[in-house]
Structures are given as C-alpha cells and as structure tokens.
Amino acid sequence: MDYTHGRTVLVNGIPSDLTNVFITLEHAQPFSNAEELADAGLIAKARSDEIVSGGMPPFITREFPDGTSQRILNLAITSGNSSRSVFVNMNNRTVESPPDATKNAVQCVAPPLAQGKASGPGVPGTANLVINTGLECALDLPGHQAIGVIWNPGIRN
C-alpha cells in the first residue's frame, strides 16, 4: 500500500523466480488486513482488552488537488458493553474524531394516529396489509401469509 499516492502496488509472480515478477499499480484502496488494523489500533491507543475492527465505511479516501491522498481508517473499538468510533489517518499516523452524526440527523415525524378498523377475525398465520399514502391506497395485500423467517447475521432476530 502506497499511502502517499493512494494506490495499491500489486506484485504477481513466483517468489523463487524473479524474472517472472510483474508489478501493477492500481488507484484503488483495498480493504484493511489484520496487520493494518492492528497498526491502526496501536495508533488509536486501543487497550489490550479492547477489540479493534473495521467500521462502516471501512475507510475514507481524502484526495487533494496535487494528486496525493490520505487513507483514513474507520475503526470500531469495543470492550464489554461499550464501543467507540475512531478515524485513524494512516498517512500521518494521527487519530481524528468522527464527525458528529447528530448535526446531520434527519428527524422523522409520525403522522397522527389513523382510525383503524377491524376487518374480521382473519385466518391464523396471515395478515391483511394495507398501506395508504394520503387518501390513496398504495398497496393492498389481503390474506398475506408469511412463508419463512429471513435470518440476517448483522441483525438480532
């Protein structure tokens, strides 16, 4: 990884035969490997009882007019029931605070309670789903039956 120019140096070939080695430069940022995460954890002064992992997005590329760029890793540092986000600038080996997410938070306001009406006892295992937008019916799924549970490892089910 060439931090100064924001590029990846790929070396392909046979290690024992240096005549068949090919070097390619890519202007793409790779995902962090365990070594880079450990180095970023040291820069962020993570304690030995804390777990350092990549956050989302895993990295941010800061580009400058002169063609150089900086690689900023987004770390999630967790311990017990607490966690914190830290940005680590891998070029100058400094720690930066993530932007305050509450400044740009979008607030949703729920509409007033609708006057619902029962549609009868229904059939066990089914649901009548009606979605209205204003005064129009946008979706009507009478007697919709759930056919399975979708499991997503990133969400607690």
C-alpha atoms as a PDB file:
ATOM      1  CA  MET A   1       0.000   0.000   0.000  1.00  0.00           C
ATOM      2  CA  ASP A   2       1.406   3.358  -1.073  1.00  0.00           C
ATOM      3  CA  TYR A   3      -0.200   5.764   1.418  1.00  0.00           C
ATOM      4  CA  THR A   4       1.360   8.878  -0.138  1.00  0.00           C
ATOM      5  CA  HIS A   5      -0.117   8.429  -3.596  1.00  0.00           C
ATOM      6  CA  GLY A   6      -3.230   6.475  -2.595  1.00  0.00           C
ATOM      7  CA  ARG A   7      -2.502   3.453  -4.697  1.00  0.00           C
ATOM      8  CA  THR A   8      -2.028  -0.246  -4.309  1.00  0.00           C
ATOM      9  CA  VAL A   9       1.113  -1.972  -5.553  1.00  0.00           C
ATOM     10  CA  LEU A  10       0.283  -5.483  -6.779  1.00  0.00           C
ATOM     11  CA  VAL A  11       3.133  -7.949  -7.230  1.00  0.00           C
ATOM     12  CA  ASN A  12       2.347 -11.117  -9.186  1.00  0.00           C
ATOM     13  CA  GLY A  13       4.752 -13.913  -9.933  1.00  0.00           C
ATOM     14  CA  ILE A  14       6.781 -16.751  -8.492  1.00  0.00           C
ATOM     15  CA  PRO A  15       8.852 -15.711  -5.445  1.00  0.00           C
ATOM     16  CA  SER A  16      11.723 -18.035  -6.332  1.00  0.00           C
ATOM     17  CA  ASP A  17      11.888 -16.782  -9.953  1.00  0.00           C
ATOM     18  CA  LEU A  18      12.329 -13.000 -10.007  1.00  0.00           C
ATOM     19  CA  THR A  19      12.397 -12.945 -13.833  1.00  0.00           C
ATOM     20  CA  ASN A  20       8.651 -13.684 -13.818  1.00  0.00           C
ATOM     21  CA  VAL A  21       7.533 -10.937 -11.456  1.00  0.00           C
ATOM     22  CA  PHE A  22       5.021  -8.379 -12.679  1.00  0.00           C
ATOM     23  CA  ILE A  23       4.217  -5.153 -10.848  1.00  0.00           C
ATOM     24  CA  THR A  24       0.926  -3.364 -11.349  1.00  0.00           C
ATOM     25  CA  LEU A  25      -0.159  -0.057  -9.832  1.00  0.00           C
ATOM     26  CA  GLU A  26      -3.850   0.411  -9.075  1.00  0.00           C
ATOM     27  CA  HIS A  27      -5.518   3.580  -7.897  1.00  0.00           C
ATOM     28  CA  ALA A  28      -7.876   1.664  -5.647  1.00  0.00           C
ATOM     29  CA  GLN A  29      -7.951   1.430  -1.886  1.00  0.00           C
ATOM     30  CA  PRO A  30      -8.037  -2.161  -0.634  1.00  0.00           C
ATOM     31  CA  PHE A  31      -9.848  -3.261   2.490  1.00  0.00           C
ATOM     32  CA  SER A  32      -7.684  -3.387   5.604  1.00  0.00           C
ATOM     33  CA  ASN A  33      -5.941  -6.596   6.515  1.00  0.00           C
ATOM     34  CA  ALA A  34      -5.287  -7.771  10.095  1.00  0.00           C
ATOM     35  CA  GLU A  35      -1.829  -6.167  10.139  1.00  0.00           C
ATOM     36  CA  GLU A  36      -3.108  -2.723   9.139  1.00  0.00           C
ATOM     37  CA  LEU A  37      -5.992  -2.917  11.650  1.00  0.00           C
ATOM     38  CA  ALA A  38      -3.536  -3.848  14.416  1.00  0.00           C
ATOM     39  CA  ASP A  39      -1.284  -0.920  13.450  1.00  0.00           C
ATOM     40  CA  ALA A  40      -4.269   1.458  13.425  1.00  0.00           C
ATOM     41  CA  GLY A  41      -5.296   0.106  16.847  1.00  0.00           C
ATOM     42  CA  LEU A  42      -1.839   0.974  18.208  1.00  0.00           C
ATOM     43  CA  ILE A  43      -2.097   4.487  16.739  1.00  0.00           C
ATOM     44  CA  ALA A  44      -5.550   4.858  18.353  1.00  0.00           C
ATOM     45  CA  LYS A  45      -4.103   3.622  21.663  1.00  0.00           C
ATOM     46  CA  ALA A  46      -6.595   0.761  21.979  1.00  0.00           C
ATOM     47  CA  ARG A  47      -6.129  -1.146  25.240  1.00  0.00           C
ATOM     48  CA  SER A  48      -5.214  -4.832  25.273  1.00  0.00           C
ATOM     49  CA  ASP A  49      -8.727  -5.785  26.463  1.00  0.00           C
ATOM     50  CA  GLU A  50     -10.384  -3.960  23.536  1.00  0.00           C
ATOM     51  CA  ILE A  51     -11.297  -5.418  20.148  1.00  0.00           C
ATOM     52  CA  VAL A  52     -10.365  -3.384  17.080  1.00  0.00           C
ATOM     53  CA  SER A  53     -12.376  -3.961  13.911  1.00  0.00           C
ATOM     54  CA  GLY A  54     -13.231  -2.034  10.791  1.00  0.00           C
ATOM     55  CA  GLY A  55     -16.244   0.265  10.924  1.00  0.00           C
ATOM     56  CA  MET A  56     -18.568   1.293   8.119  1.00  0.00           C
ATOM     57  CA  PRO A  57     -17.473   2.590   5.779  1.00  0.00           C
ATOM     58  CA  PRO A  58     -14.156   0.742   6.346  1.00  0.00           C
ATOM     59  CA  PHE A  59     -12.042   3.618   5.039  1.00  0.00           C
ATOM     60  CA  ILE A  60     -12.307   7.118   3.648  1.00  0.00           C
ATOM     61  CA  THR A  61     -10.008   8.493   0.968  1.00  0.00           C
ATOM     62  CA  ARG A  62      -9.191  12.170   1.356  1.00  0.00           C
ATOM     63  CA  GLU A  63      -7.954  13.482  -2.006  1.00  0.00           C
ATOM     64  CA  PHE A  64      -6.016  16.705  -2.580  1.00  0.00           C
ATOM     65  CA  PRO A  65      -5.616  18.919  -5.699  1.00  0.00           C
ATOM     66  CA  ASP A  66      -1.931  17.943  -6.068  1.00  0.00           C
ATOM     67  CA  GLY A  67      -2.922  14.320  -6.716  1.00  0.00           C
ATOM     68  CA  THR A  68      -1.972  12.982  -3.302  1.00  0.00           C
ATOM     69  CA  SER A  69      -4.448  11.362  -0.969  1.00  0.00           C
ATOM     70  CA  GLN A  70      -4.754  10.197   2.613  1.00  0.00           C
ATOM     71  CA  ARG A  71      -6.170   6.897   3.824  1.00  0.00           C
ATOM     72  CA  ILE A  72      -8.447   7.289   6.853  1.00  0.00           C
ATOM     73  CA  LEU A  73      -9.482   4.034   8.537  1.00  0.00           C
ATOM     74  CA  ASN A  74     -12.801   3.973  10.333  1.00  0.00           C
ATOM     75  CA  LEU A  75     -12.288   1.796  13.422  1.00  0.00           C
ATOM     76  CA  ALA A  76     -14.822   0.346  15.813  1.00  0.00           C
ATOM     77  CA  ILE A  77     -13.150  -0.245  19.177  1.00  0.00           C
ATOM     78  CA  THR A  78     -15.243  -2.349  21.572  1.00  0.00           C
ATOM     79  CA  SER A  79     -14.854  -3.555  25.114  1.00  0.00           C
ATOM     80  CA  GLY A  80     -17.552  -5.217  27.192  1.00  0.00           C
ATOM     81  CA  ASN A  81     -20.748  -3.228  26.698  1.00  0.00           C
ATOM     82  CA  SER A  82     -19.150  -0.113  25.244  1.00  0.00           C
ATOM     83  CA  SER A  83     -17.809   0.891  21.865  1.00  0.00           C
ATOM     84  CA  ARG A  84     -16.397   3.947  20.181  1.00  0.00           C
ATOM     85  CA  SER A  85     -15.635   5.020  16.631  1.00  0.00           C
ATOM     86  CA  VAL A  86     -12.223   6.399  15.776  1.00  0.00           C
ATOM     87  CA  PHE A  87     -10.801   7.671  12.494  1.00  0.00           C
ATOM     88  CA  VAL A  88      -7.087   6.899  12.043  1.00  0.00           C
ATOM     89  CA  ASN A  89      -5.135   8.779   9.386  1.00  0.00           C
ATOM     90  CA  MET A  90      -2.660   6.153   8.204  1.00  0.00           C
ATOM     91  CA  ASN A  91      -0.556   8.688   6.276  1.00  0.00           C
ATOM     92  CA  ASN A  92       0.399  10.913   9.192  1.00  0.00           C
ATOM     93  CA  ARG A  93      -0.433   8.313  11.888  1.00  0.00           C
ATOM     94  CA  THR A  94      -2.858  10.531  13.783  1.00  0.00           C
ATOM     95  CA  VAL A  95      -6.272   9.980  15.369  1.00  0.00           C
ATOM     96  CA  GLU A  96      -9.241  12.056  14.268  1.00  0.00           C
ATOM     97  CA  SER A  97     -12.698  12.255  15.741  1.00  0.00           C
ATOM     98  CA  PRO A  98     -15.549  11.154  13.503  1.00  0.00           C
ATOM     99  CA  PRO A  99     -17.967  13.938  12.557  1.00  0.00           C
ATOM    100  CA  ASP A 100     -20.849  14.463  14.940  1.00  0.00           C
ATOM    101  CA  ALA A 101     -23.674  12.412  13.444  1.00  0.00           C
ATOM    102  CA  THR A 102     -26.317  14.309  15.404  1.00  0.00           C
ATOM    103  CA  LYS A 103     -25.667  17.506  13.405  1.00  0.00           C
ATOM    104  CA  ASN A 104     -26.934  15.918  10.180  1.00  0.00           C
ATOM    105  CA  ALA A 105     -29.517  13.609  11.705  1.00  0.00           C
ATOM    106  CA  VAL A 106     -32.824  13.514   9.900  1.00  0.00           C
ATOM    107  CA  GLN A 107     -35.843  13.634  12.146  1.00  0.00           C
ATOM    108  CA  CYS A 108     -38.958  11.810  11.091  1.00  0.00           C
ATOM    109  CA  VAL A 109     -42.325  12.817  12.445  1.00  0.00           C
ATOM    110  CA  ALA A 110     -45.033  10.188  12.678  1.00  0.00           C
ATOM    111  CA  PRO A 111     -48.417  11.114  11.266  1.00  0.00           C
ATOM    112  CA  PRO A 112     -51.348  11.351  13.656  1.00  0.00           C
ATOM    113  CA  LEU A 113     -52.918   8.063  14.641  1.00  0.00           C
ATOM    114  CA  ALA A 114     -55.187   6.668  11.966  1.00  0.00           C
ATOM    115  CA  GLN A 115     -58.621   5.440  12.837  1.00  0.00           C
ATOM    116  CA  GLY A 116     -58.164   1.733  12.159  1.00  0.00           C
ATOM    117  CA  LYS A 117     -60.976  -0.703  11.720  1.00  0.00           C
ATOM    118  CA  ALA A 118     -61.105  -4.425  12.241  1.00  0.00           C
ATOM    119  CA  SER A 119     -61.624  -6.493   9.135  1.00  0.00           C
ATOM    120  CA  GLY A 120     -62.860  -9.605  10.844  1.00  0.00           C
ATOM    121  CA  PRO A 121     -61.176 -12.441  12.665  1.00  0.00           C
ATOM    122  CA  GLY A 122     -58.889 -13.378   9.749  1.00  0.00           C
ATOM    123  CA  VAL A 123     -57.083 -16.650   9.188  1.00  0.00           C
ATOM    124  CA  PRO A 124     -54.373 -17.743  11.652  1.00  0.00           C
ATOM    125  CA  GLY A 125     -50.893 -17.210  10.181  1.00  0.00           C
ATOM    126  CA  THR A 126     -51.973 -14.489   7.761  1.00  0.00           C
ATOM    127  CA  ALA A 127     -52.208 -10.728   7.851  1.00  0.00           C
ATOM    128  CA  ASN A 128     -54.188  -8.184   5.882  1.00  0.00           C
ATOM    129  CA  LEU A 129     -51.706  -5.460   4.981  1.00  0.00           C
ATOM    130  CA  VAL A 130     -52.895  -2.115   3.599  1.00  0.00           C
ATOM    131  CA  ILE A 131     -50.548   0.834   3.076  1.00  0.00           C
ATOM    132  CA  ASN A 132     -52.122   4.233   2.398  1.00  0.00           C
ATOM    133  CA  THR A 133     -50.351   7.336   1.158  1.00  0.00           C
ATOM    134  CA  GLY A 134     -52.573  10.265   1.913  1.00  0.00           C
ATOM    135  CA  LEU A 135     -56.037   9.304   0.733  1.00  0.00           C
ATOM    136  CA  GLU A 136     -54.907   6.708  -1.847  1.00  0.00           C
ATOM    137  CA  CYS A 137     -54.354   3.022  -1.249  1.00  0.00           C
ATOM    138  CA  ALA A 138     -50.742   2.370  -2.305  1.00  0.00           C
ATOM    139  CA  LEU A 139     -50.672  -1.360  -1.522  1.00  0.00           C
ATOM    140  CA  ASP A 140     -53.319  -3.865  -0.509  1.00  0.00           C
ATOM    141  CA  LEU A 141     -52.251  -7.418   0.353  1.00  0.00           C
ATOM    142  CA  PRO A 142     -55.266  -9.235   1.794  1.00  0.00           C
ATOM    143  CA  GLY A 143     -54.551 -12.569   3.419  1.00  0.00           C
ATOM    144  CA  HIS A 144     -50.781 -12.280   3.060  1.00  0.00           C
ATOM    145  CA  GLN A 145     -49.106 -15.330   4.572  1.00  0.00           C
ATOM    146  CA  ALA A 146     -45.580 -15.410   5.955  1.00  0.00           C
ATOM    147  CA  ILE A 147     -43.744 -18.333   4.384  1.00  0.00           C
ATOM    148  CA  GLY A 148     -40.486 -18.243   6.338  1.00  0.00           C
ATOM    149  CA  VAL A 149     -38.127 -16.297   8.519  1.00  0.00           C
ATOM    150  CA  ILE A 150     -35.224 -14.465   6.927  1.00  0.00           C
ATOM    151  CA  TRP A 151     -32.103 -14.539   9.061  1.00  0.00           C
ATOM    152  CA  ASN A 152     -29.516 -11.794   8.713  1.00  0.00           C
ATOM    153  CA  PRO A 153     -26.309 -12.250  10.759  1.00  0.00           C
ATOM    154  CA  GLY A 154     -25.998  -8.465  11.162  1.00  0.00           C
ATOM    155  CA  ILE A 155     -29.394  -8.157  12.852  1.00  0.00           C
ATOM    156  CA  ARG A 156     -30.516  -9.842  16.040  1.00  0.00           C
ATOM    157  CA  ASN A 157     -33.554 -11.966  15.275  1.00  0.00           C
END
